[in-house]
Amino acid sequence: MSEELEKLKDYEWLLNRLYQKVPPKSGSAEYTLPEPQVLRIGSQTIIQNFREISQRLKRDPQLVARYLQKELAAAGSYDPGSGQLVLNVKVSRKVLKRFLELFLKNYVRCPTCGSIDTRLERRGKAWILVCEACGAEQPVKPF
């Protein structure tokens, strides 16, 4: 009996035991988006792999397209057949990548646990980011 009591007083042993029992976080590892494949024709910018980017973000392409159009203050259209987004503005790959990273930070990643296992819900006029991993709910800026 005294041996078990001694183990309970051993901080390192208790800490290792705790780490063995706690499951690892899901989806919180470093998350990378595919590089946008950009094609510029005149004053238009076409993102050729837009559907793939939206799928990696786990969001509806129409929603991501609306976000980009608002942030770039540009008109555009998403073609579900080809999976391309056509924006009526010249924009660089670097700027698009930055806006997509901001979208990931603000509308995909859980601010509480860092998981990407989330969904967006619309409740009235408010958008709520609901985490599937920890259950946290966070209101996000509408777009």
N, C-alpha and C. Protein backbone atom coordinates (compact mmCIF):
# COMPACT_ATOMS: atom_id res chain seq x y z
N MET A 1 0.82 -1.20 0.00
CA MET A 1 0.00 0.00 0.00
C MET A 1 0.86 1.26 0.00
N SER A 2 1.98 1.24 0.71
CA SER A 2 2.83 2.42 0.80
C SER A 2 3.48 2.74 -0.56
N GLU A 3 3.71 1.70 -1.36
CA GLU A 3 4.30 1.92 -2.69
C GLU A 3 3.34 2.72 -3.57
N GLU A 4 2.06 2.42 -3.51
CA GLU A 4 1.05 3.16 -4.29
C GLU A 4 0.94 4.60 -3.81
N LEU A 5 1.03 4.83 -2.50
CA LEU A 5 1.00 6.18 -1.97
C LEU A 5 2.22 6.98 -2.42
N GLU A 6 3.36 6.33 -2.49
CA GLU A 6 4.57 7.00 -2.95
C GLU A 6 4.43 7.41 -4.42
N LYS A 7 3.81 6.55 -5.23
CA LYS A 7 3.60 6.88 -6.65
C LYS A 7 2.69 8.10 -6.79
N LEU A 8 1.67 8.18 -5.94
CA LEU A 8 0.75 9.31 -6.02
C LEU A 8 1.43 10.62 -5.62
N LYS A 9 2.51 10.56 -4.89
CA LYS A 9 3.26 11.75 -4.52
C LYS A 9 4.30 12.13 -5.58
N ASP A 10 4.58 11.21 -6.51
CA ASP A 10 5.59 11.44 -7.55
C ASP A 10 4.96 12.24 -8.70
N TYR A 11 5.33 13.49 -8.81
CA TYR A 11 4.74 14.40 -9.79
C TYR A 11 4.97 13.93 -11.22
N GLU A 12 6.18 13.54 -11.55
CA GLU A 12 6.51 13.09 -12.92
C GLU A 12 5.68 11.87 -13.31
N TRP A 13 5.52 10.92 -12.41
CA TRP A 13 4.74 9.73 -12.70
C TRP A 13 3.28 10.09 -12.96
N LEU A 14 2.73 10.99 -12.12
CA LEU A 14 1.35 11.43 -12.29
C LEU A 14 1.16 12.17 -13.62
N LEU A 15 2.13 13.00 -13.96
CA LEU A 15 2.05 13.76 -15.21
C LEU A 15 2.08 12.83 -16.43
N ASN A 16 2.97 11.85 -16.43
CA ASN A 16 3.03 10.88 -17.52
C ASN A 16 1.74 10.07 -17.61
N ARG A 17 1.19 9.69 -16.47
CA ARG A 17 -0.07 8.95 -16.44
C ARG A 17 -1.21 9.78 -17.05
N LEU A 18 -1.22 11.08 -16.72
CA LEU A 18 -2.23 11.98 -17.26
C LEU A 18 -2.12 12.08 -18.78
N TYR A 19 -0.91 12.28 -19.29
CA TYR A 19 -0.71 12.41 -20.73
C TYR A 19 -1.09 11.13 -21.49
N GLN A 20 -0.95 9.97 -20.85
CA GLN A 20 -1.34 8.73 -21.48
C GLN A 20 -2.85 8.60 -21.59
N LYS A 21 -3.58 9.21 -20.65
CA LYS A 21 -5.03 9.09 -20.63
C LYS A 21 -5.75 10.15 -21.47
N VAL A 22 -5.11 11.30 -21.69
CA VAL A 22 -5.74 12.39 -22.44
C VAL A 22 -5.58 12.12 -23.94
N PRO A 23 -6.68 12.10 -24.70
CA PRO A 23 -6.55 11.87 -26.14
C PRO A 23 -5.95 13.10 -26.82
N PRO A 24 -5.24 12.88 -27.93
CA PRO A 24 -4.66 14.02 -28.65
C PRO A 24 -5.76 14.86 -29.29
N LYS A 25 -5.48 16.15 -29.49
CA LYS A 25 -6.45 17.03 -30.15
C LYS A 25 -6.61 16.61 -31.60
N SER A 26 -7.83 16.71 -32.10
CA SER A 26 -8.06 16.37 -33.50
C SER A 26 -8.11 17.65 -34.32
N GLY A 27 -7.42 17.65 -35.43
CA GLY A 27 -7.51 18.75 -36.38
C GLY A 27 -6.86 20.05 -35.94
N SER A 28 -6.03 20.04 -34.92
CA SER A 28 -5.44 21.29 -34.48
C SER A 28 -4.00 21.44 -34.94
N ALA A 29 -3.49 20.45 -35.65
CA ALA A 29 -2.13 20.53 -36.14
C ALA A 29 -2.04 21.63 -37.20
N GLU A 30 -0.82 21.94 -37.59
CA GLU A 30 -0.62 22.98 -38.61
C GLU A 30 -1.41 22.61 -39.86
N TYR A 31 -2.23 23.51 -40.30
CA TYR A 31 -3.14 23.26 -41.42
C TYR A 31 -2.73 24.13 -42.59
N THR A 32 -2.44 23.52 -43.71
CA THR A 32 -2.01 24.29 -44.88
C THR A 32 -3.07 24.22 -45.97
N LEU A 33 -3.28 25.35 -46.60
CA LEU A 33 -4.21 25.43 -47.72
C LEU A 33 -3.45 25.21 -49.02
N PRO A 34 -4.11 24.69 -50.04
CA PRO A 34 -3.45 24.58 -51.34
C PRO A 34 -3.15 25.98 -51.89
N GLU A 35 -2.07 26.09 -52.60
CA GLU A 35 -1.70 27.36 -53.23
C GLU A 35 -2.74 27.69 -54.31
N PRO A 36 -3.31 28.92 -54.30
CA PRO A 36 -4.29 29.27 -55.33
C PRO A 36 -3.64 29.29 -56.72
N GLN A 37 -4.27 28.60 -57.66
CA GLN A 37 -3.80 28.62 -59.05
C GLN A 37 -4.51 29.76 -59.74
N VAL A 38 -3.78 30.85 -59.95
CA VAL A 38 -4.36 32.09 -60.45
C VAL A 38 -4.04 32.27 -61.92
N LEU A 39 -5.05 32.68 -62.67
CA LEU A 39 -4.91 33.00 -64.09
C LEU A 39 -5.51 34.38 -64.29
N ARG A 40 -4.72 35.32 -64.85
CA ARG A 40 -5.23 36.67 -65.08
C ARG A 40 -5.47 36.88 -66.56
N ILE A 41 -6.68 37.29 -66.87
CA ILE A 41 -7.05 37.61 -68.25
C ILE A 41 -7.64 39.00 -68.25
N GLY A 42 -6.91 39.96 -68.81
CA GLY A 42 -7.37 41.34 -68.81
C GLY A 42 -7.49 41.84 -67.38
N SER A 43 -8.67 42.32 -67.02
CA SER A 43 -8.88 42.82 -65.66
C SER A 43 -9.56 41.77 -64.77
N GLN A 44 -9.61 40.52 -65.24
CA GLN A 44 -10.22 39.45 -64.45
C GLN A 44 -9.15 38.53 -63.86
N THR A 45 -9.47 38.00 -62.71
CA THR A 45 -8.61 37.01 -62.04
C THR A 45 -9.43 35.74 -61.87
N ILE A 46 -8.87 34.62 -62.31
CA ILE A 46 -9.57 33.33 -62.21
C ILE A 46 -8.78 32.43 -61.26
N ILE A 47 -9.46 31.95 -60.24
CA ILE A 47 -8.86 30.97 -59.32
C ILE A 47 -9.31 29.60 -59.81
N GLN A 48 -8.39 28.85 -60.40
CA GLN A 48 -8.75 27.60 -61.05
C GLN A 48 -9.04 26.47 -60.07
N ASN A 49 -8.39 26.44 -58.92
CA ASN A 49 -8.61 25.35 -57.96
C ASN A 49 -9.47 25.81 -56.77
N PHE A 50 -10.43 26.66 -57.03
CA PHE A 50 -11.25 27.24 -55.97
C PHE A 50 -12.09 26.19 -55.24
N ARG A 51 -12.64 25.23 -55.96
CA ARG A 51 -13.45 24.18 -55.32
C ARG A 51 -12.59 23.38 -54.34
N GLU A 52 -11.38 23.04 -54.73
CA GLU A 52 -10.47 22.29 -53.86
C GLU A 52 -10.13 23.09 -52.60
N ILE A 53 -9.90 24.39 -52.76
CA ILE A 53 -9.61 25.25 -51.61
C ILE A 53 -10.80 25.27 -50.65
N SER A 54 -12.00 25.42 -51.20
CA SER A 54 -13.22 25.44 -50.38
C SER A 54 -13.43 24.12 -49.65
N GLN A 55 -13.13 23.02 -50.30
CA GLN A 55 -13.27 21.71 -49.66
C GLN A 55 -12.28 21.55 -48.52
N ARG A 56 -11.06 22.06 -48.69
CA ARG A 56 -10.07 22.00 -47.61
C ARG A 56 -10.48 22.87 -46.43
N LEU A 57 -11.18 23.98 -46.73
CA LEU A 57 -11.69 24.85 -45.67
C LEU A 57 -12.95 24.29 -45.02
N LYS A 58 -13.53 23.26 -45.64
CA LYS A 58 -14.78 22.64 -45.17
C LYS A 58 -15.93 23.64 -45.17
N ARG A 59 -15.99 24.45 -46.20
CA ARG A 59 -17.04 25.46 -46.34
C ARG A 59 -17.60 25.42 -47.76
N ASP A 60 -18.85 25.88 -47.90
CA ASP A 60 -19.52 25.96 -49.18
C ASP A 60 -18.76 26.96 -50.07
N PRO A 61 -18.46 26.58 -51.32
CA PRO A 61 -17.75 27.49 -52.22
C PRO A 61 -18.46 28.83 -52.41
N GLN A 62 -19.80 28.83 -52.40
CA GLN A 62 -20.54 30.09 -52.55
C GLN A 62 -20.25 31.03 -51.38
N LEU A 63 -20.11 30.47 -50.18
CA LEU A 63 -19.83 31.26 -48.99
C LEU A 63 -18.42 31.86 -49.03
N VAL A 64 -17.44 31.05 -49.42
CA VAL A 64 -16.06 31.51 -49.52
C VAL A 64 -15.95 32.56 -50.63
N ALA A 65 -16.67 32.34 -51.74
CA ALA A 65 -16.66 33.30 -52.85
C ALA A 65 -17.24 34.64 -52.39
N ARG A 66 -18.33 34.59 -51.64
CA ARG A 66 -18.94 35.82 -51.14
C ARG A 66 -17.98 36.58 -50.22
N TYR A 67 -17.26 35.84 -49.38
CA TYR A 67 -16.27 36.46 -48.49
C TYR A 67 -15.18 37.16 -49.30
N LEU A 68 -14.62 36.47 -50.29
CA LEU A 68 -13.55 37.06 -51.11
C LEU A 68 -14.05 38.29 -51.87
N GLN A 69 -15.26 38.20 -52.41
CA GLN A 69 -15.82 39.34 -53.15
C GLN A 69 -15.99 40.54 -52.24
N LYS A 70 -16.43 40.31 -51.02
CA LYS A 70 -16.61 41.42 -50.08
C LYS A 70 -15.26 42.02 -49.69
N GLU A 71 -14.29 41.18 -49.37
CA GLU A 71 -12.99 41.67 -48.93
C GLU A 71 -12.23 42.39 -50.05
N LEU A 72 -12.41 41.92 -51.28
CA LEU A 72 -11.72 42.55 -52.41
C LEU A 72 -12.55 43.66 -53.04
N ALA A 73 -13.77 43.86 -52.56
CA ALA A 73 -14.69 44.87 -53.10
C ALA A 73 -14.80 44.71 -54.62
N ALA A 74 -15.07 43.46 -55.03
CA ALA A 74 -15.13 43.15 -56.46
C ALA A 74 -16.29 42.21 -56.74
N ALA A 75 -16.83 42.36 -57.95
CA ALA A 75 -17.87 41.43 -58.39
C ALA A 75 -17.18 40.15 -58.87
N GLY A 76 -17.93 39.08 -58.90
CA GLY A 76 -17.36 37.82 -59.35
C GLY A 76 -18.44 36.76 -59.43
N SER A 77 -18.04 35.60 -59.93
CA SER A 77 -18.99 34.49 -60.03
C SER A 77 -18.26 33.17 -59.86
N TYR A 78 -18.95 32.24 -59.22
CA TYR A 78 -18.43 30.89 -59.03
C TYR A 78 -19.12 29.97 -60.00
N ASP A 79 -18.33 29.17 -60.72
CA ASP A 79 -18.88 28.21 -61.68
C ASP A 79 -18.79 26.81 -61.05
N PRO A 80 -19.94 26.24 -60.61
CA PRO A 80 -19.90 24.92 -59.97
C PRO A 80 -19.41 23.81 -60.89
N GLY A 81 -19.62 23.97 -62.19
CA GLY A 81 -19.20 22.94 -63.13
C GLY A 81 -17.69 22.78 -63.19
N SER A 82 -16.98 23.88 -63.32
CA SER A 82 -15.52 23.81 -63.43
C SER A 82 -14.82 24.00 -62.08
N GLY A 83 -15.54 24.52 -61.09
CA GLY A 83 -14.94 24.74 -59.78
C GLY A 83 -14.05 25.96 -59.73
N GLN A 84 -14.25 26.89 -60.68
CA GLN A 84 -13.43 28.10 -60.75
C GLN A 84 -14.20 29.30 -60.22
N LEU A 85 -13.45 30.25 -59.66
CA LEU A 85 -14.01 31.52 -59.24
C LEU A 85 -13.43 32.60 -60.13
N VAL A 86 -14.31 33.38 -60.76
CA VAL A 86 -13.89 34.48 -61.61
C VAL A 86 -14.16 35.78 -60.86
N LEU A 87 -13.10 36.54 -60.61
CA LEU A 87 -13.21 37.84 -59.94
C LEU A 87 -12.95 38.94 -60.96
N ASN A 88 -13.77 39.98 -60.96
CA ASN A 88 -13.62 41.07 -61.92
C ASN A 88 -12.69 42.15 -61.38
N VAL A 89 -11.50 41.73 -60.98
CA VAL A 89 -10.48 42.64 -60.47
C VAL A 89 -9.13 41.93 -60.60
N LYS A 90 -8.07 42.73 -60.79
CA LYS A 90 -6.73 42.15 -60.81
C LYS A 90 -6.26 42.01 -59.37
N VAL A 91 -5.85 40.81 -59.01
CA VAL A 91 -5.37 40.56 -57.65
C VAL A 91 -4.27 39.51 -57.72
N SER A 92 -3.27 39.66 -56.88
CA SER A 92 -2.13 38.74 -56.91
C SER A 92 -2.43 37.48 -56.10
N ARG A 93 -1.64 36.46 -56.37
CA ARG A 93 -1.76 35.18 -55.64
C ARG A 93 -1.47 35.40 -54.16
N LYS A 94 -0.51 36.26 -53.86
CA LYS A 94 -0.12 36.53 -52.47
C LYS A 94 -1.28 37.14 -51.68
N VAL A 95 -1.99 38.09 -52.29
CA VAL A 95 -3.14 38.73 -51.63
C VAL A 95 -4.26 37.72 -51.42
N LEU A 96 -4.53 36.90 -52.43
CA LEU A 96 -5.58 35.86 -52.30
C LEU A 96 -5.23 34.88 -51.18
N LYS A 97 -3.98 34.47 -51.14
CA LYS A 97 -3.54 33.53 -50.10
C LYS A 97 -3.74 34.14 -48.71
N ARG A 98 -3.41 35.43 -48.58
CA ARG A 98 -3.56 36.11 -47.28
C ARG A 98 -5.04 36.17 -46.85
N PHE A 99 -5.94 36.49 -47.79
CA PHE A 99 -7.37 36.54 -47.46
C PHE A 99 -7.90 35.16 -47.10
N LEU A 100 -7.42 34.12 -47.77
CA LEU A 100 -7.87 32.77 -47.45
C LEU A 100 -7.36 32.33 -46.07
N GLU A 101 -6.15 32.76 -45.71
CA GLU A 101 -5.63 32.47 -44.37
C GLU A 101 -6.45 33.20 -43.30
N LEU A 102 -6.85 34.43 -43.60
CA LEU A 102 -7.72 35.17 -42.66
C LEU A 102 -9.08 34.48 -42.52
N PHE A 103 -9.62 33.97 -43.63
CA PHE A 103 -10.88 33.24 -43.59
C PHE A 103 -10.73 32.01 -42.70
N LEU A 104 -9.62 31.29 -42.86
CA LEU A 104 -9.36 30.11 -42.04
C LEU A 104 -9.30 30.49 -40.56
N LYS A 105 -8.61 31.57 -40.25
CA LYS A 105 -8.46 32.01 -38.86
C LYS A 105 -9.80 32.45 -38.26
N ASN A 106 -10.58 33.23 -39.00
CA ASN A 106 -11.79 33.84 -38.45
C ASN A 106 -13.05 32.98 -38.58
N TYR A 107 -13.15 32.16 -39.62
CA TYR A 107 -14.41 31.46 -39.90
C TYR A 107 -14.29 29.93 -39.93
N VAL A 108 -13.09 29.38 -39.67
CA VAL A 108 -12.94 27.93 -39.68
C VAL A 108 -12.33 27.43 -38.37
N ARG A 109 -11.23 28.00 -37.94
CA ARG A 109 -10.52 27.51 -36.76
C ARG A 109 -11.23 27.96 -35.48
N CYS A 110 -11.40 27.01 -34.55
CA CYS A 110 -12.04 27.31 -33.26
C CYS A 110 -11.10 28.17 -32.42
N PRO A 111 -11.58 29.32 -31.93
CA PRO A 111 -10.71 30.17 -31.11
C PRO A 111 -10.44 29.58 -29.72
N THR A 112 -11.25 28.63 -29.30
CA THR A 112 -11.07 28.05 -27.97
C THR A 112 -10.03 26.94 -27.96
N CYS A 113 -10.20 25.95 -28.86
CA CYS A 113 -9.30 24.79 -28.83
C CYS A 113 -8.38 24.71 -30.05
N GLY A 114 -8.63 25.52 -31.08
CA GLY A 114 -7.76 25.52 -32.25
C GLY A 114 -8.12 24.47 -33.29
N SER A 115 -9.19 23.73 -33.08
CA SER A 115 -9.59 22.68 -34.02
C SER A 115 -10.19 23.29 -35.29
N ILE A 116 -10.06 22.55 -36.39
CA ILE A 116 -10.69 22.99 -37.64
C ILE A 116 -11.99 22.22 -37.90
N ASP A 117 -12.37 21.38 -36.95
CA ASP A 117 -13.62 20.62 -37.06
C ASP A 117 -14.77 21.50 -36.58
N THR A 118 -15.14 22.48 -37.41
CA THR A 118 -16.18 23.44 -37.06
C THR A 118 -17.20 23.55 -38.17
N ARG A 119 -18.31 24.22 -37.84
CA ARG A 119 -19.32 24.53 -38.85
C ARG A 119 -19.86 25.92 -38.57
N LEU A 120 -20.33 26.58 -39.62
CA LEU A 120 -20.96 27.89 -39.47
C LEU A 120 -22.46 27.72 -39.47
N GLU A 121 -23.11 28.34 -38.51
CA GLU A 121 -24.58 28.32 -38.44
C GLU A 121 -25.07 29.75 -38.49
N ARG A 122 -26.19 29.93 -39.15
CA ARG A 122 -26.80 31.25 -39.18
C ARG A 122 -28.01 31.22 -38.25
N ARG A 123 -27.99 32.08 -37.24
CA ARG A 123 -29.12 32.20 -36.30
C ARG A 123 -29.64 33.62 -36.39
N GLY A 124 -30.73 33.76 -37.11
CA GLY A 124 -31.27 35.09 -37.37
C GLY A 124 -30.31 35.84 -38.28
N LYS A 125 -29.80 36.96 -37.80
CA LYS A 125 -28.83 37.72 -38.59
C LYS A 125 -27.40 37.43 -38.17
N ALA A 126 -27.22 36.63 -37.14
CA ALA A 126 -25.88 36.35 -36.61
C ALA A 126 -25.31 35.05 -37.18
N TRP A 127 -24.01 35.05 -37.41
CA TRP A 127 -23.29 33.84 -37.80
C TRP A 127 -22.57 33.33 -36.56
N ILE A 128 -22.70 32.02 -36.30
CA ILE A 128 -22.10 31.39 -35.13
C ILE A 128 -21.16 30.29 -35.61
N LEU A 129 -19.92 30.30 -35.11
CA LEU A 129 -18.94 29.26 -35.38
C LEU A 129 -19.08 28.21 -34.28
N VAL A 130 -19.50 27.00 -34.64
CA VAL A 130 -19.72 25.92 -33.67
C VAL A 130 -18.62 24.88 -33.84
N CYS A 131 -17.91 24.60 -32.75
CA CYS A 131 -16.82 23.63 -32.79
C CYS A 131 -17.36 22.23 -32.51
N GLU A 132 -17.02 21.31 -33.39
CA GLU A 132 -17.45 19.91 -33.22
C GLU A 132 -16.58 19.21 -32.17
N ALA A 133 -15.36 19.69 -31.96
CA ALA A 133 -14.43 19.03 -31.04
C ALA A 133 -14.72 19.37 -29.58
N CYS A 134 -14.85 20.67 -29.27
CA CYS A 134 -15.01 21.05 -27.87
C CYS A 134 -16.40 21.59 -27.54
N GLY A 135 -17.23 21.83 -28.55
CA GLY A 135 -18.59 22.30 -28.31
C GLY A 135 -18.72 23.81 -28.13
N ALA A 136 -17.62 24.53 -28.26
CA ALA A 136 -17.67 25.99 -28.06
C ALA A 136 -18.46 26.65 -29.20
N GLU A 137 -19.14 27.73 -28.86
CA GLU A 137 -19.87 28.51 -29.86
C GLU A 137 -19.34 29.94 -29.79
N GLN A 138 -19.02 30.49 -30.94
CA GLN A 138 -18.42 31.84 -31.00
C GLN A 138 -19.10 32.62 -32.11
N PRO A 139 -19.65 33.79 -31.82
CA PRO A 139 -20.21 34.61 -32.90
C PRO A 139 -19.07 35.16 -33.76
N VAL A 140 -19.30 35.20 -35.07
CA VAL A 140 -18.30 35.74 -35.99
C VAL A 140 -18.89 36.90 -36.77
N LYS A 141 -18.03 37.72 -37.32
CA LYS A 141 -18.44 38.89 -38.07
C LYS A 141 -19.18 38.44 -39.34
N PRO A 142 -20.37 38.99 -39.59
CA PRO A 142 -21.11 38.59 -40.79
C PRO A 142 -20.43 39.11 -42.05
N PHE A 143 -20.67 38.41 -43.16
CA PHE A 143 -20.13 38.87 -44.45
C PHE A 143 -21.12 38.63 -45.55
